[in-house]
């Protein structure tokens, strides 16, 4: 069961990272509907994290199946990346949104 949870968690993580990285790409293509869509997907995940004390619900589920509590016990990521995941991708998300907003504003001027 832990393996299934780790696979699901890794897939979910990859989807959110793809959305984060796609925001500036969509902005470069002037496709602001896509920017909003990608940003909304990530914002929904941020809301879930806020509700669950900044931990993915899959982390709580995985904890039932192991006593391991390393930063990557619940996901197939290197431990350093799992440890700094929110910081790294939070900064990239904010930067991507700022870039998209600046680009959108410049097309309106």
Protein backbone atom coordinates (compact mmCIF):
# COMPACT_ATOMS: atom_id res chain seq x y z
CA UNK A 1 0.00 0.00 0.00
CA UNK A 2 2.85 2.40 0.79
CA UNK A 3 4.25 1.90 -2.71
CA UNK A 4 0.88 2.78 -4.25
CA UNK A 5 0.64 5.92 -2.11
CA UNK A 6 4.19 6.97 -3.05
CA UNK A 7 3.43 6.47 -6.74
CA UNK A 8 0.19 8.48 -6.49
CA UNK A 9 1.94 11.22 -4.52
CA UNK A 10 4.78 11.41 -7.05
CA UNK A 11 2.33 11.63 -9.95
CA UNK A 12 0.35 14.38 -8.20
CA UNK A 13 3.59 16.23 -7.45
CA UNK A 14 4.64 15.97 -11.11
CA UNK A 15 1.29 17.39 -12.26
CA UNK A 16 1.61 20.40 -9.94
CA UNK A 17 5.24 21.01 -10.93
CA UNK A 18 4.25 20.83 -14.59
CA UNK A 19 1.56 23.45 -13.97
CA UNK A 20 4.05 25.69 -12.15
CA UNK A 21 6.63 25.42 -14.93
CA UNK A 22 3.98 25.89 -17.63
CA UNK A 23 2.84 29.28 -16.30
CA UNK A 24 5.72 31.33 -17.76
CA UNK A 25 5.68 29.25 -20.94
CA UNK A 26 1.98 30.01 -21.46
CA UNK A 27 2.69 33.68 -20.72
CA UNK A 28 5.43 33.72 -23.36
CA UNK A 29 2.84 32.41 -25.80
CA UNK A 30 0.40 35.11 -24.64
CA UNK A 31 -2.08 32.41 -23.66
CA UNK A 32 -3.39 33.93 -20.46
CA UNK A 33 -6.34 31.55 -20.22
CA UNK A 34 -3.82 28.75 -19.79
CA UNK A 35 -1.88 30.85 -17.27
CA UNK A 36 -5.05 31.27 -15.21
CA UNK A 37 -5.87 27.57 -15.52
CA UNK A 38 -2.43 26.43 -14.41
CA UNK A 39 -2.37 28.99 -11.61
CA UNK A 40 -5.82 27.87 -10.43
CA UNK A 41 -4.75 24.22 -10.26
CA UNK A 42 -1.76 25.15 -8.11
CA UNK A 43 -3.83 27.56 -6.00
CA UNK A 44 -6.30 24.76 -5.27
CA UNK A 45 -3.43 22.60 -4.05
CA UNK A 46 -2.15 25.46 -1.89
CA UNK A 47 -5.63 25.72 -0.33
CA UNK A 48 -5.55 21.98 0.44
CA UNK A 49 -2.10 22.37 2.01
CA UNK A 50 -3.29 25.29 4.13
CA UNK A 51 -6.25 23.25 5.39
CA UNK A 52 -3.98 20.26 6.19
CA UNK A 53 -1.27 22.18 8.08
CA UNK A 54 1.03 22.42 5.04
CA UNK A 55 1.22 18.64 4.57
CA UNK A 56 -0.20 16.74 1.63
CA UNK A 57 -3.12 14.52 2.64
CA UNK A 58 -1.21 11.61 1.09
CA UNK A 59 1.54 12.16 3.68
CA UNK A 60 -0.94 11.46 6.48
CA UNK A 61 -2.13 8.37 4.65
CA UNK A 62 1.40 7.08 4.00
CA UNK A 63 2.29 7.57 7.68
CA UNK A 64 -0.15 4.80 8.55
CA UNK A 65 2.01 2.28 6.70
CA UNK A 66 5.53 3.08 7.92
CA UNK A 67 7.41 4.44 10.89
CA UNK A 68 9.90 6.13 8.54
CA UNK A 69 9.64 9.91 8.75
CA UNK A 70 12.41 11.04 6.42
CA UNK A 71 11.39 13.94 4.23
CA UNK A 72 10.76 11.60 1.31
CA UNK A 73 9.12 8.65 3.09
CA UNK A 74 5.88 9.29 1.22
CA UNK A 75 7.09 10.23 -2.27
CA UNK A 76 9.67 9.16 -4.85
CA UNK A 77 11.86 12.27 -4.72
CA UNK A 78 15.41 12.77 -3.49
CA UNK A 79 15.34 13.64 0.18
CA UNK A 80 16.83 17.12 -0.36
CA UNK A 81 14.11 17.95 -2.90
CA UNK A 82 11.33 16.62 -0.71
CA UNK A 83 12.72 18.68 2.19
CA UNK A 84 12.82 21.95 0.20
CA UNK A 85 9.93 21.26 -2.18
CA UNK A 86 7.56 23.97 -0.96
CA UNK A 87 10.27 26.63 -0.92
CA UNK A 88 11.67 25.79 -4.36
CA UNK A 89 8.36 25.47 -6.15
CA UNK A 90 6.69 28.23 -4.13
CA UNK A 91 9.35 30.66 -5.37
CA UNK A 92 9.00 29.35 -8.94
CA UNK A 93 5.19 29.67 -8.73
CA UNK A 94 5.40 33.26 -7.45
CA UNK A 95 8.03 34.17 -10.03
CA UNK A 96 6.00 32.60 -12.83
CA UNK A 97 2.88 34.50 -11.76
CA UNK A 98 4.85 37.76 -11.51
CA UNK A 99 6.32 37.18 -14.97
CA UNK A 100 2.90 36.38 -16.43
CA UNK A 101 1.32 39.42 -14.82
CA UNK A 102 4.12 41.71 -16.01
CA UNK A 103 3.89 40.32 -19.52
CA UNK A 104 0.11 40.63 -19.57
CA UNK A 105 0.31 44.22 -18.27
CA UNK A 106 2.83 45.14 -20.95
CA UNK A 107 0.53 43.84 -23.70
CA UNK A 108 -2.29 46.00 -22.32
CA UNK A 109 -0.20 49.19 -22.29
